[in-house]
Amino acid sequence: MSAKFSEPAVESAVGGTVEPSRIMRSGLSVALLSTFVAIIACAAVSGFFYAYACSVMYGLNDSSAAVALEAMQGINRTVRNPIFAASFFGTALLLPLASFFNFTRGTKQAGALLALAALIYIGGGLLLTMAVNVPMNEALAIVDVAALSDPAKTWADYEAPWSLWNWARTGFSFLALSIAIIAFGLRK
């Protein structure tokens, strides 16, 4: 004979109580919720990279080279903040977590797609950024813009490869996002 434990009831927003297992059966599962949150985080970081690609770098290129260099130094000093970290690092944690929950909850096809999205984002978004963009930003941080004899050359040498790799991480991040959205649609 097995013992049956009762679950504590949860207060409903409209009055009364609801058993937690009933909430899970109604579709608000850990797998569904984790997938949704992973998609939001991935969309945020994809949009962040895209904003650089389609506006920030164009705006800096429209400025004098010295202004662009100093502005990028300022951006790089302030970008490491909790809001950015939540999407940048959170996506790398949330996609595999959503994959795990989908696999363990019986939605294996969605779990496999979320695993693929995680690999694409971690490789093409997170690791690419850490291997290419961050070292470029750190090298730029030590440049004394006022002492440069040719700021235009320094900016061109920085901006062209940085933008190329930013477009790459933007593409990989949006690919991961698209796959995660497809996985969400496959959930039953």
Protein backbone atom coordinates (compact mmCIF):
# COMPACT_ATOMS: atom_id res chain seq x y z
CA MET A 1 0.00 0.00 0.00
CA SER A 2 1.44 3.36 -1.00
CA ALA A 3 0.87 6.55 0.87
CA LYS A 4 -0.80 9.39 -0.98
CA PHE A 5 0.31 12.85 -0.10
CA SER A 6 -1.98 15.73 -0.75
CA GLU A 7 -0.63 18.86 -2.39
CA PRO A 8 -1.14 22.19 -0.69
CA ALA A 9 -3.75 24.29 -2.41
CA VAL A 10 -2.83 27.55 -4.13
CA GLU A 11 -5.02 30.65 -3.81
CA SER A 12 -6.66 31.49 -7.14
CA ALA A 13 -6.61 35.06 -8.41
CA VAL A 14 -10.40 34.90 -8.83
CA GLY A 15 -11.08 33.36 -5.45
CA GLY A 16 -11.03 29.80 -4.20
CA THR A 17 -8.14 27.38 -4.37
CA VAL A 18 -6.54 25.30 -7.08
CA GLU A 19 -4.42 22.18 -6.63
CA PRO A 20 -0.90 22.58 -8.15
CA SER A 21 -1.24 19.33 -10.13
CA ARG A 22 -4.37 20.75 -11.74
CA ILE A 23 -2.41 23.83 -12.82
CA MET A 24 0.20 21.57 -14.43
CA ARG A 25 -2.49 19.50 -16.21
CA SER A 26 -4.11 22.67 -17.53
CA GLY A 27 -1.09 23.38 -19.72
CA LEU A 28 1.02 25.67 -17.55
CA SER A 29 3.83 23.13 -17.26
CA VAL A 30 7.45 23.61 -16.39
CA ALA A 31 8.37 22.59 -19.96
CA LEU A 32 6.02 25.15 -21.48
CA LEU A 33 7.02 27.93 -19.11
CA SER A 34 10.77 27.28 -19.48
CA THR A 35 10.43 27.24 -23.27
CA PHE A 36 8.54 30.52 -23.24
CA VAL A 37 11.09 32.22 -20.95
CA ALA A 38 13.99 30.88 -23.06
CA ILE A 39 12.36 32.37 -26.16
CA ILE A 40 11.99 35.76 -24.47
CA ALA A 41 15.64 35.76 -23.38
CA CYS A 42 16.83 34.67 -26.83
CA ALA A 43 14.67 37.35 -28.48
CA ALA A 44 16.14 39.99 -26.16
CA VAL A 45 19.77 39.11 -26.92
CA SER A 46 19.06 38.71 -30.66
CA GLY A 47 17.44 42.14 -30.69
CA PHE A 48 20.38 43.59 -28.77
CA PHE A 49 22.86 42.34 -31.37
CA TYR A 50 20.54 43.44 -34.19
CA ALA A 51 20.29 46.96 -32.77
CA TYR A 52 24.07 47.28 -33.01
CA ALA A 53 24.06 45.91 -36.54
CA CYS A 54 21.35 48.15 -37.93
CA SER A 55 21.68 51.38 -35.94
CA VAL A 56 24.45 51.77 -33.36
CA MET A 57 27.34 51.05 -35.72
CA TYR A 58 25.77 53.15 -38.49
CA GLY A 59 25.42 56.03 -36.04
CA LEU A 60 29.01 55.70 -34.89
CA ASN A 61 30.20 55.54 -38.51
CA ASP A 62 28.31 58.78 -39.15
CA SER A 63 30.38 60.48 -36.42
CA SER A 64 34.00 61.52 -36.50
CA ALA A 65 36.38 58.64 -35.86
CA ALA A 66 37.53 60.06 -32.52
CA VAL A 67 33.94 60.45 -31.34
CA ALA A 68 33.09 56.92 -32.54
CA LEU A 69 36.08 55.45 -30.69
CA GLU A 70 35.26 57.28 -27.45
CA ALA A 71 31.56 56.41 -27.71
CA MET A 72 32.33 52.72 -28.29
CA GLN A 73 34.70 52.76 -25.31
CA GLY A 74 31.86 54.18 -23.21
CA ILE A 75 29.36 51.62 -24.50
CA ASN A 76 31.79 48.79 -23.76
CA ARG A 77 32.37 50.09 -20.21
CA THR A 78 28.65 50.07 -19.43
CA VAL A 79 27.34 47.05 -21.35
CA ARG A 80 28.35 44.61 -18.64
CA ASN A 81 25.30 45.09 -16.48
CA PRO A 82 22.63 42.84 -14.95
CA ILE A 83 20.03 43.60 -17.62
CA PHE A 84 22.34 42.56 -20.45
CA ALA A 85 23.68 39.58 -18.47
CA ALA A 86 20.15 38.25 -17.92
CA SER A 87 19.59 37.77 -21.63
CA PHE A 88 23.17 37.09 -22.77
CA PHE A 89 24.01 34.44 -20.16
CA GLY A 90 20.39 33.56 -19.37
CA THR A 91 19.75 32.35 -22.92
CA ALA A 92 22.72 29.98 -22.64
CA LEU A 93 21.18 28.52 -19.47
CA LEU A 94 17.49 28.67 -20.36
CA LEU A 95 17.60 26.96 -23.76
CA PRO A 96 19.29 23.78 -22.43
CA LEU A 97 17.02 23.86 -19.38
CA ALA A 98 13.93 24.11 -21.58
CA SER A 99 15.31 21.27 -23.70
CA PHE A 100 15.75 19.11 -20.60
CA PHE A 101 12.23 19.82 -19.32
CA ASN A 102 10.73 19.09 -22.73
CA PHE A 103 12.63 15.79 -23.01
CA THR A 104 11.59 14.71 -19.51
CA ARG A 105 7.96 15.76 -20.03
CA GLY A 106 7.53 13.71 -23.20
CA THR A 107 7.86 16.40 -25.86
CA LYS A 108 11.04 14.94 -27.28
CA GLN A 109 10.86 16.65 -30.68
CA ALA A 110 10.59 20.06 -29.01
CA GLY A 111 13.39 19.05 -26.64
CA ALA A 112 15.66 18.11 -29.56
CA LEU A 113 14.99 21.41 -31.32
CA LEU A 114 15.65 23.35 -28.14
CA ALA A 115 18.94 21.46 -27.72
CA LEU A 116 19.85 22.45 -31.28
CA ALA A 117 18.89 26.08 -30.56
CA ALA A 118 21.06 25.97 -27.42
CA LEU A 119 24.07 24.68 -29.34
CA ILE A 120 23.64 27.32 -32.03
CA TYR A 121 23.28 30.17 -29.53
CA ILE A 122 26.07 29.00 -27.23
CA GLY A 123 28.47 28.51 -30.14
CA GLY A 124 27.42 31.33 -32.44
CA GLY A 125 26.20 33.90 -29.93
CA LEU A 126 27.89 33.49 -26.57
CA LEU A 127 31.23 31.86 -27.43
CA LEU A 128 31.67 33.92 -30.60
CA THR A 129 31.17 37.08 -28.55
CA MET A 130 33.62 35.91 -25.88
CA ALA A 131 36.24 34.81 -28.43
CA VAL A 132 36.05 37.74 -30.88
CA ASN A 133 34.03 40.80 -29.85
CA VAL A 134 35.08 40.92 -26.20
CA PRO A 135 38.85 40.77 -26.92
CA MET A 136 38.39 43.49 -29.56
CA ASN A 137 36.51 45.60 -27.01
CA GLU A 138 39.22 45.05 -24.40
CA ALA A 139 41.92 46.09 -26.88
CA LEU A 140 39.91 49.22 -27.72
CA ALA A 141 39.50 50.05 -24.03
CA ILE A 142 43.23 50.76 -23.61
CA VAL A 143 43.47 53.06 -26.64
CA ASP A 144 44.17 56.69 -25.75
CA VAL A 145 42.02 58.33 -28.42
CA ALA A 146 43.45 61.80 -27.77
CA ALA A 147 46.98 60.53 -28.47
CA LEU A 148 46.13 58.87 -31.81
CA SER A 149 47.71 60.34 -34.92
CA ASP A 150 45.13 58.66 -37.18
CA PRO A 151 41.84 57.93 -35.35
CA ALA A 152 40.14 57.14 -38.68
CA LYS A 153 42.49 54.20 -39.30
CA THR A 154 42.08 52.94 -35.75
CA TRP A 155 38.29 53.12 -36.05
CA ALA A 156 38.28 51.41 -39.47
CA ASP A 157 40.57 48.64 -38.20
CA TYR A 158 38.23 48.05 -35.27
CA GLU A 159 34.80 48.64 -36.78
CA ALA A 160 34.97 46.50 -39.94
CA PRO A 161 35.83 43.16 -38.29
CA TRP A 162 33.78 43.93 -35.17
CA SER A 163 30.69 44.60 -37.31
CA LEU A 164 31.26 41.49 -39.43
CA TRP A 165 31.38 39.30 -36.34
CA ASN A 166 28.43 41.15 -34.83
CA TRP A 167 26.37 40.31 -37.94
CA ALA A 168 27.45 36.67 -37.54
CA ARG A 169 26.37 36.49 -33.87
CA THR A 170 23.14 38.28 -34.77
CA GLY A 171 22.39 35.68 -37.43
CA PHE A 172 23.21 32.75 -35.14
CA SER A 173 21.09 34.22 -32.34
CA PHE A 174 18.10 34.76 -34.62
CA LEU A 175 18.51 31.23 -36.00
CA ALA A 176 18.45 29.86 -32.45
CA LEU A 177 15.39 32.01 -31.71
CA SER A 178 13.58 30.75 -34.81
CA ILE A 179 14.27 27.13 -33.89
CA ALA A 180 13.08 27.73 -30.31
CA ILE A 181 9.85 29.27 -31.63
CA ILE A 182 9.31 26.23 -33.87
CA ALA A 183 9.90 23.99 -30.84
CA PHE A 184 7.30 25.96 -28.89
CA GLY A 185 4.81 25.45 -31.73
CA LEU A 186 5.42 21.70 -31.72
CA ARG A 187 4.37 21.37 -28.10
CA LYS A 188 1.05 19.62 -27.67
